[in-house]
Amino acid sequence: MQEEKIEPPKHVKLGIIGNVDAGKSTLVSVLTKGMPDDGNGGARTRVFNFRHEQETGRTSSIGQ
């Protein structure tokens, strides 16, 4: 009997939900960019897509 080789998926879809200021954007940034957070949520700045996110510090849309 020959074993089948299973290929890992090339893409993974993951949904994250939680309360405001729970760290969802920071978590997505750390997982997708592979860089640790500075302890103040600085990692989330790497996933900002819009100017108002940079101005307010709150993400409104993340797609990585």
C-alpha atoms as a PDB file:
ATOM      1  CA  MET A   1       0.000   0.000   0.000  1.00  0.00           C
ATOM      2  CA  GLN A   2       1.308   3.413  -0.980  1.00  0.00           C
ATOM      3  CA  GLU A   3       0.601   6.444   1.229  1.00  0.00           C
ATOM      4  CA  GLU A   4      -0.924   9.492  -0.411  1.00  0.00           C
ATOM      5  CA  LYS A   5       0.982  12.709   0.056  1.00  0.00           C
ATOM      6  CA  ILE A   6      -1.313  15.469   1.284  1.00  0.00           C
ATOM      7  CA  GLU A   7      -0.401  18.995   0.226  1.00  0.00           C
ATOM      8  CA  PRO A   8      -1.027  21.759   2.778  1.00  0.00           C
ATOM      9  CA  PRO A   9      -3.452  24.499   1.689  1.00  0.00           C
ATOM     10  CA  LYS A  10      -1.886  27.525   0.006  1.00  0.00           C
ATOM     11  CA  HIS A  11      -4.439  29.907   1.515  1.00  0.00           C
ATOM     12  CA  VAL A  12      -6.252  29.857   4.806  1.00  0.00           C
ATOM     13  CA  LYS A  13      -9.373  31.886   5.585  1.00  0.00           C
ATOM     14  CA  LEU A  14      -9.724  32.957   9.180  1.00  0.00           C
ATOM     15  CA  GLY A  15     -12.390  35.131  10.758  1.00  0.00           C
ATOM     16  CA  ILE A  16     -11.700  37.040  13.966  1.00  0.00           C
ATOM     17  CA  ILE A  17     -14.421  38.705  16.028  1.00  0.00           C
ATOM     18  CA  GLY A  18     -14.312  40.481  19.344  1.00  0.00           C
ATOM     19  CA  ASN A  19     -15.067  43.621  21.281  1.00  0.00           C
ATOM     20  CA  VAL A  20     -13.690  47.046  20.425  1.00  0.00           C
ATOM     21  CA  ASP A  21     -10.064  47.456  21.553  1.00  0.00           C
ATOM     22  CA  ALA A  22      -9.667  43.706  22.126  1.00  0.00           C
ATOM     23  CA  GLY A  23      -6.549  43.447  19.922  1.00  0.00           C
ATOM     24  CA  LYS A  24      -8.031  41.899  16.773  1.00  0.00           C
ATOM     25  CA  SER A  25      -6.079  44.094  14.354  1.00  0.00           C
ATOM     26  CA  THR A  26      -2.886  43.631  16.331  1.00  0.00           C
ATOM     27  CA  LEU A  27      -3.336  39.853  16.225  1.00  0.00           C
ATOM     28  CA  VAL A  28      -3.954  39.891  12.454  1.00  0.00           C
ATOM     29  CA  SER A  29      -0.875  42.044  11.934  1.00  0.00           C
ATOM     30  CA  VAL A  30       1.389  39.808  14.024  1.00  0.00           C
ATOM     31  CA  LEU A  31       0.122  36.664  12.274  1.00  0.00           C
ATOM     32  CA  THR A  32       0.359  38.038   8.736  1.00  0.00           C
ATOM     33  CA  LYS A  33       3.480  40.211   8.995  1.00  0.00           C
ATOM     34  CA  GLY A  34       5.478  37.977  11.343  1.00  0.00           C
ATOM     35  CA  MET A  35       6.658  40.875  13.454  1.00  0.00           C
ATOM     36  CA  PRO A  36       5.940  41.202  17.192  1.00  0.00           C
ATOM     37  CA  ASP A  37       3.887  44.009  18.678  1.00  0.00           C
ATOM     38  CA  ASP A  38       5.516  46.755  20.730  1.00  0.00           C
ATOM     39  CA  GLY A  39       3.066  46.312  23.609  1.00  0.00           C
ATOM     40  CA  ASN A  40       1.043  49.359  22.631  1.00  0.00           C
ATOM     41  CA  GLY A  41      -0.750  47.960  19.592  1.00  0.00           C
ATOM     42  CA  GLY A  42       1.846  49.367  17.207  1.00  0.00           C
ATOM     43  CA  ALA A  43       1.635  46.257  15.036  1.00  0.00           C
ATOM     44  CA  ARG A  44      -1.841  47.245  13.895  1.00  0.00           C
ATOM     45  CA  THR A  45      -0.422  50.238  12.032  1.00  0.00           C
ATOM     46  CA  ARG A  46       0.972  47.741   9.505  1.00  0.00           C
ATOM     47  CA  VAL A  47      -2.563  46.686   8.506  1.00  0.00           C
ATOM     48  CA  PHE A  48      -4.136  50.135   8.146  1.00  0.00           C
ATOM     49  CA  ASN A  49      -5.718  50.595   4.717  1.00  0.00           C
ATOM     50  CA  PHE A  50      -7.163  54.102   4.983  1.00  0.00           C
ATOM     51  CA  ARG A  51      -6.076  57.551   6.106  1.00  0.00           C
ATOM     52  CA  HIS A  52      -8.825  57.802   8.742  1.00  0.00           C
ATOM     53  CA  GLU A  53      -7.456  54.640  10.344  1.00  0.00           C
ATOM     54  CA  GLN A  54      -4.060  56.284  10.736  1.00  0.00           C
ATOM     55  CA  GLU A  55      -5.644  59.465  12.061  1.00  0.00           C
ATOM     56  CA  THR A  56      -7.903  57.754  14.616  1.00  0.00           C
ATOM     57  CA  GLY A  57      -5.833  54.649  15.366  1.00  0.00           C
ATOM     58  CA  ARG A  58      -8.887  52.438  14.774  1.00  0.00           C
ATOM     59  CA  THR A  59      -9.079  49.971  11.928  1.00  0.00           C
ATOM     60  CA  SER A  60     -12.268  49.731   9.907  1.00  0.00           C
ATOM     61  CA  SER A  61     -11.307  47.212   7.259  1.00  0.00           C
ATOM     62  CA  ILE A  62      -8.701  44.483   7.262  1.00  0.00           C
ATOM     63  CA  GLY A  63      -8.040  42.106   4.417  1.00  0.00           C
ATOM     64  CA  GLN A  64      -4.676  40.392   4.427  1.00  0.00           C
END
